[in-house]
Amino acid sequence: MIDTHTHIYVNDFDLDIKDVMARAELIGVTQMILPNINVESIQQMKSLHESFPNKLLMAIGLHPTDVTFDYLDQLEIISQELREGKYIAIGEVGLDYYWDTQFKNQQIDAFRLQLDWAKESELPVIIHSRKAMQETITMVKNSGVKRGVFHSFSGSKEEALQILSLNGDWFLGINGVLTFKNCKLPEVLTSIPLEKIVLETDAPYLTPQPYRGQRNEPAYLQYIVEKLAEIYNVSIEKIDEITTKNAKDLFLL
């Protein structure tokens, strides 16, 4: 299995990261992708990558909720890091109007610029969209970017089909939200080919049942796989096989 989106470089894992990595390996997680969120997280992410270079891969970007008045300065630093470092994707980037729209225009500009990076570098993009799905889809469509994943997808069937009809190769990132009570996502996924899904945890956030409310970690990917096997009426091994291939195709692993 590949955890295509995990933030295990944050301070929540400082005391037991070796155990976290060992538990992930034990249940069959072979690789994990670390999406950056801001300038401050770059060094944390790189330090963890240096400790587990064969297991961890990195993406670089500015998260929409970290876009403020100084976003252009942050993007300049991140752009330099993109040119000098070894990154497999642009992310985590996008639009988020859930908490605050004070910097809405800056978010739009930052997303546009980072989509340009993805197009120029021919890298896939890891997209965060919250309370801004239609605008996000339109910006991606207009950008000319050909590959990416809509991280933590929990939208409607119509939104999912819009994403998958974008020009190029697009995927939905499915995480612990799938296991939440009253979640509509299982019904949505009945209309979505398994070949368009990648696994993710978004650790330490969005912990699946039965551990909801606790810190999430890559080993909990097993609960997402189990739920997907139930929805698609196939074996856990089949979910593992297909979603791993999807991740490899998307990120050219």
Foldseek 3Di string as FASTA:
>chain_A
DEAAEAACLDPVCVPPVVVLVVLLVVLPHQAYEYEDAWPVCPVSLVVVCVVPVRHYAYAFEHALVNQDPCNVVGVVVRVVCVVPDHHLEHDDAEDAPPPHCPCVVRSVVRRLVSLLVCVVVVHEYEYEDYPCLVVRLVSNLVSPRAFYEDACDQDALVSVVSQCPRHHQYAYEHEQLLQDPPRCVLVSCLPPDLLRYAYHHHWQPNQHPPVPPGGHGSSSSQVVLVSVCVSVVHDSVVSVVNNVVSVCVRSVD
